[in-house]
């Protein structure tokens, strides 16, 4: 009887191994799925960015600018954005926390507050993903902030 149980378990294992599913790394351990995906290098995917540089033009000091960085999962595994870190506290980012399935897309939004930042602006956002075409991706935005003291506003 034990041989038949071992055979059954082995059969179930092989059927599940051949089943073509997308692993989203859901767990009951309180570990973020993106953290697990970052470690599982055998199941990395690929990402394609719409654009990695945005120019917001000229704004007045004190104005805020919303920038969008679109992307698409071009691989065949689930995509996770594990870390999205702006270069300074003047920028707040928002990004998808869940798995991006193959063929699907998403966007990172960045809100730049220009208060106390007059002059030419060049800010960056470092994005860490579970991707084989690079793990770290650098996004940036540029523009000009008019000094409110010099313009009298």
C-alpha atoms as a PDB file:
ATOM      1  CA  UNK A   1       0.000   0.000   0.000  1.00  0.00           C
ATOM      2  CA  UNK A   2       2.846   2.399   0.722  1.00  0.00           C
ATOM      3  CA  UNK A   3       4.120   2.006  -2.865  1.00  0.00           C
ATOM      4  CA  UNK A   4       0.751   3.097  -4.229  1.00  0.00           C
ATOM      5  CA  UNK A   5       0.682   6.151  -1.936  1.00  0.00           C
ATOM      6  CA  UNK A   6       4.203   7.114  -2.990  1.00  0.00           C
ATOM      7  CA  UNK A   7       3.188   6.628  -6.612  1.00  0.00           C
ATOM      8  CA  UNK A   8       0.104   8.810  -6.120  1.00  0.00           C
ATOM      9  CA  UNK A   9       2.098  11.584  -4.436  1.00  0.00           C
ATOM     10  CA  UNK A  10       4.742  11.421  -7.165  1.00  0.00           C
ATOM     11  CA  UNK A  11       2.052  11.596  -9.845  1.00  0.00           C
ATOM     12  CA  UNK A  12       0.378  14.609  -8.243  1.00  0.00           C
ATOM     13  CA  UNK A  13       3.766  16.317  -7.943  1.00  0.00           C
ATOM     14  CA  UNK A  14       4.534  15.823 -11.636  1.00  0.00           C
ATOM     15  CA  UNK A  15       1.071  16.928 -12.717  1.00  0.00           C
ATOM     16  CA  UNK A  16       1.392  20.108 -10.658  1.00  0.00           C
ATOM     17  CA  UNK A  17       4.932  20.709 -11.929  1.00  0.00           C
ATOM     18  CA  UNK A  18       3.700  20.537 -15.520  1.00  0.00           C
ATOM     19  CA  UNK A  19       0.655  22.697 -14.856  1.00  0.00           C
ATOM     20  CA  UNK A  20       1.340  26.057 -16.498  1.00  0.00           C
ATOM     21  CA  UNK A  21       0.408  28.585 -13.803  1.00  0.00           C
ATOM     22  CA  UNK A  22       1.764  31.986 -12.897  1.00  0.00           C
ATOM     23  CA  UNK A  23       3.245  32.008  -9.394  1.00  0.00           C
ATOM     24  CA  UNK A  24       2.141  35.115  -7.507  1.00  0.00           C
ATOM     25  CA  UNK A  25       3.897  33.956  -4.316  1.00  0.00           C
ATOM     26  CA  UNK A  26       0.871  34.425  -2.045  1.00  0.00           C
ATOM     27  CA  UNK A  27       1.595  33.135   1.469  1.00  0.00           C
ATOM     28  CA  UNK A  28       0.297  33.169   5.036  1.00  0.00           C
ATOM     29  CA  UNK A  29       3.632  34.119   6.539  1.00  0.00           C
ATOM     30  CA  UNK A  30       3.308  37.890   6.240  1.00  0.00           C
ATOM     31  CA  UNK A  31       6.095  37.992   3.653  1.00  0.00           C
ATOM     32  CA  UNK A  32       5.411  40.326   0.766  1.00  0.00           C
ATOM     33  CA  UNK A  33       5.122  38.298  -2.447  1.00  0.00           C
ATOM     34  CA  UNK A  34       7.550  40.660  -4.186  1.00  0.00           C
ATOM     35  CA  UNK A  35      10.266  39.787  -1.678  1.00  0.00           C
ATOM     36  CA  UNK A  36       9.878  36.087  -2.450  1.00  0.00           C
ATOM     37  CA  UNK A  37       9.820  36.802  -6.206  1.00  0.00           C
ATOM     38  CA  UNK A  38      13.058  38.795  -5.896  1.00  0.00           C
ATOM     39  CA  UNK A  39      14.830  35.733  -4.486  1.00  0.00           C
ATOM     40  CA  UNK A  40      13.417  33.297  -7.084  1.00  0.00           C
ATOM     41  CA  UNK A  41      15.798  34.225  -9.929  1.00  0.00           C
ATOM     42  CA  UNK A  42      14.815  31.149 -11.960  1.00  0.00           C
ATOM     43  CA  UNK A  43      11.368  32.690 -12.432  1.00  0.00           C
ATOM     44  CA  UNK A  44      12.351  36.234 -13.342  1.00  0.00           C
ATOM     45  CA  UNK A  45      10.412  37.966 -16.091  1.00  0.00           C
ATOM     46  CA  UNK A  46      11.093  40.984 -18.330  1.00  0.00           C
ATOM     47  CA  UNK A  47       9.835  44.549 -18.291  1.00  0.00           C
ATOM     48  CA  UNK A  48       9.478  47.165 -21.001  1.00  0.00           C
ATOM     49  CA  UNK A  49       9.187  50.848 -20.083  1.00  0.00           C
ATOM     50  CA  UNK A  50       7.164  53.320 -22.156  1.00  0.00           C
ATOM     51  CA  UNK A  51       9.720  55.979 -21.276  1.00  0.00           C
ATOM     52  CA  UNK A  52      12.262  56.294 -18.488  1.00  0.00           C
ATOM     53  CA  UNK A  53      12.725  60.075 -18.692  1.00  0.00           C
ATOM     54  CA  UNK A  54      10.011  62.718 -18.331  1.00  0.00           C
ATOM     55  CA  UNK A  55      10.342  66.478 -18.839  1.00  0.00           C
ATOM     56  CA  UNK A  56       7.720  68.496 -16.971  1.00  0.00           C
ATOM     57  CA  UNK A  57       8.726  71.797 -18.592  1.00  0.00           C
ATOM     58  CA  UNK A  58       8.624  75.043 -16.608  1.00  0.00           C
ATOM     59  CA  UNK A  59       6.598  75.483 -13.423  1.00  0.00           C
ATOM     60  CA  UNK A  60       6.385  78.033 -10.608  1.00  0.00           C
ATOM     61  CA  UNK A  61       8.051  77.261  -7.313  1.00  0.00           C
ATOM     62  CA  UNK A  62       5.505  75.737  -4.939  1.00  0.00           C
ATOM     63  CA  UNK A  63       3.604  73.910  -7.694  1.00  0.00           C
ATOM     64  CA  UNK A  64       3.386  70.140  -7.755  1.00  0.00           C
ATOM     65  CA  UNK A  65       3.762  67.967 -10.833  1.00  0.00           C
ATOM     66  CA  UNK A  66       2.324  64.489 -11.385  1.00  0.00           C
ATOM     67  CA  UNK A  67       4.477  62.260 -13.598  1.00  0.00           C
ATOM     68  CA  UNK A  68       3.570  58.810 -14.923  1.00  0.00           C
ATOM     69  CA  UNK A  69       5.985  56.048 -15.920  1.00  0.00           C
ATOM     70  CA  UNK A  70       4.178  53.252 -17.752  1.00  0.00           C
ATOM     71  CA  UNK A  71       5.507  49.727 -18.133  1.00  0.00           C
ATOM     72  CA  UNK A  72       4.492  46.313 -19.427  1.00  0.00           C
ATOM     73  CA  UNK A  73       5.363  42.792 -18.279  1.00  0.00           C
ATOM     74  CA  UNK A  74       6.849  41.350 -21.489  1.00  0.00           C
ATOM     75  CA  UNK A  75       7.839  38.016 -19.955  1.00  0.00           C
ATOM     76  CA  UNK A  76       5.926  34.865 -19.077  1.00  0.00           C
ATOM     77  CA  UNK A  77       6.129  35.102 -15.263  1.00  0.00           C
ATOM     78  CA  UNK A  78       4.534  37.446 -12.732  1.00  0.00           C
ATOM     79  CA  UNK A  79       6.231  40.851 -12.412  1.00  0.00           C
ATOM     80  CA  UNK A  80       6.755  42.500  -9.032  1.00  0.00           C
ATOM     81  CA  UNK A  81       7.998  45.994  -8.261  1.00  0.00           C
ATOM     82  CA  UNK A  82       9.703  45.299  -4.957  1.00  0.00           C
ATOM     83  CA  UNK A  83      11.151  48.746  -4.243  1.00  0.00           C
ATOM     84  CA  UNK A  84      10.420  52.152  -5.748  1.00  0.00           C
ATOM     85  CA  UNK A  85      12.679  54.773  -4.139  1.00  0.00           C
ATOM     86  CA  UNK A  86      12.770  58.465  -5.118  1.00  0.00           C
ATOM     87  CA  UNK A  87      16.071  60.333  -4.789  1.00  0.00           C
ATOM     88  CA  UNK A  88      14.658  62.941  -2.405  1.00  0.00           C
ATOM     89  CA  UNK A  89      11.800  63.651  -0.036  1.00  0.00           C
ATOM     90  CA  UNK A  90      10.323  66.171  -2.470  1.00  0.00           C
ATOM     91  CA  UNK A  91       8.918  63.282  -4.528  1.00  0.00           C
ATOM     92  CA  UNK A  92       6.202  60.869  -3.439  1.00  0.00           C
ATOM     93  CA  UNK A  93       5.716  57.689  -5.461  1.00  0.00           C
ATOM     94  CA  UNK A  94       2.833  55.280  -5.870  1.00  0.00           C
ATOM     95  CA  UNK A  95       3.165  51.906  -7.595  1.00  0.00           C
ATOM     96  CA  UNK A  96       1.360  48.573  -7.959  1.00  0.00           C
ATOM     97  CA  UNK A  97       1.857  46.362  -4.903  1.00  0.00           C
ATOM     98  CA  UNK A  98       0.421  43.196  -6.482  1.00  0.00           C
ATOM     99  CA  UNK A  99       1.689  40.926  -9.242  1.00  0.00           C
ATOM    100  CA  UNK A 100       1.542  42.241 -12.811  1.00  0.00           C
ATOM    101  CA  UNK A 101       0.671  39.229 -14.946  1.00  0.00           C
ATOM    102  CA  UNK A 102       2.352  38.522 -18.303  1.00  0.00           C
ATOM    103  CA  UNK A 103       1.162  40.845 -21.060  1.00  0.00           C
ATOM    104  CA  UNK A 104      -0.350  43.296 -18.570  1.00  0.00           C
ATOM    105  CA  UNK A 105       0.915  46.730 -17.719  1.00  0.00           C
ATOM    106  CA  UNK A 106       0.916  49.279 -14.973  1.00  0.00           C
ATOM    107  CA  UNK A 107       2.358  52.605 -13.998  1.00  0.00           C
ATOM    108  CA  UNK A 108       4.391  54.314 -11.366  1.00  0.00           C
ATOM    109  CA  UNK A 109       3.193  57.773 -10.453  1.00  0.00           C
ATOM    110  CA  UNK A 110       5.492  60.359  -8.953  1.00  0.00           C
ATOM    111  CA  UNK A 111       4.359  63.641  -7.423  1.00  0.00           C
ATOM    112  CA  UNK A 112       7.128  66.225  -7.276  1.00  0.00           C
ATOM    113  CA  UNK A 113       6.653  69.188  -4.908  1.00  0.00           C
ATOM    114  CA  UNK A 114       8.773  72.081  -6.165  1.00  0.00           C
ATOM    115  CA  UNK A 115       8.649  74.117  -2.936  1.00  0.00           C
ATOM    116  CA  UNK A 116      12.225  75.106  -1.968  1.00  0.00           C
ATOM    117  CA  UNK A 117      13.585  73.661  -5.230  1.00  0.00           C
ATOM    118  CA  UNK A 118      14.069  76.556  -7.655  1.00  0.00           C
ATOM    119  CA  UNK A 119      16.210  76.134 -10.743  1.00  0.00           C
ATOM    120  CA  UNK A 120      16.943  73.233 -13.034  1.00  0.00           C
ATOM    121  CA  UNK A 121      15.612  69.937 -11.668  1.00  0.00           C
ATOM    122  CA  UNK A 122      16.950  66.455 -12.314  1.00  0.00           C
ATOM    123  CA  UNK A 123      15.471  63.850  -9.958  1.00  0.00           C
ATOM    124  CA  UNK A 124      15.592  60.073 -10.108  1.00  0.00           C
ATOM    125  CA  UNK A 125      13.559  57.078  -8.969  1.00  0.00           C
ATOM    126  CA  UNK A 126      15.216  53.683  -8.487  1.00  0.00           C
ATOM    127  CA  UNK A 127      12.911  50.742  -9.205  1.00  0.00           C
ATOM    128  CA  UNK A 128      13.839  47.212  -8.164  1.00  0.00           C
ATOM    129  CA  UNK A 129      12.042  44.375  -9.951  1.00  0.00           C
ATOM    130  CA  UNK A 130      12.207  40.616 -10.463  1.00  0.00           C
ATOM    131  CA  UNK A 131      13.398  41.005 -14.058  1.00  0.00           C
ATOM    132  CA  UNK A 132      16.157  39.299 -15.986  1.00  0.00           C
ATOM    133  CA  UNK A 133      16.744  42.282 -18.282  1.00  0.00           C
ATOM    134  CA  UNK A 134      18.034  44.204 -15.232  1.00  0.00           C
ATOM    135  CA  UNK A 135      16.962  44.181 -11.608  1.00  0.00           C
ATOM    136  CA  UNK A 136      17.421  47.919 -11.002  1.00  0.00           C
ATOM    137  CA  UNK A 137      15.795  50.431 -13.327  1.00  0.00           C
ATOM    138  CA  UNK A 138      16.476  54.165 -13.149  1.00  0.00           C
ATOM    139  CA  UNK A 139      13.643  56.541 -13.964  1.00  0.00           C
ATOM    140  CA  UNK A 140      14.233  60.273 -14.056  1.00  0.00           C
ATOM    141  CA  UNK A 141      12.467  63.556 -14.584  1.00  0.00           C
ATOM    142  CA  UNK A 142      13.729  66.980 -15.449  1.00  0.00           C
ATOM    143  CA  UNK A 143      12.360  70.477 -15.667  1.00  0.00           C
ATOM    144  CA  UNK A 144      12.731  74.078 -14.618  1.00  0.00           C
ATOM    145  CA  UNK A 145      11.265  75.610 -11.455  1.00  0.00           C
ATOM    146  CA  UNK A 146      10.923  79.403 -11.546  1.00  0.00           C
ATOM    147  CA  UNK A 147      12.128  81.003  -8.328  1.00  0.00           C
ATOM    148  CA  UNK A 148       9.102  82.659  -6.676  1.00  0.00           C
ATOM    149  CA  UNK A 149      11.338  85.335  -5.050  1.00  0.00           C
ATOM    150  CA  UNK A 150      12.814  86.431  -8.394  1.00  0.00           C
ATOM    151  CA  UNK A 151       9.498  86.430 -10.243  1.00  0.00           C
ATOM    152  CA  UNK A 152       7.621  88.271  -7.494  1.00  0.00           C
ATOM    153  CA  UNK A 153       5.028  85.500  -7.046  1.00  0.00           C
END
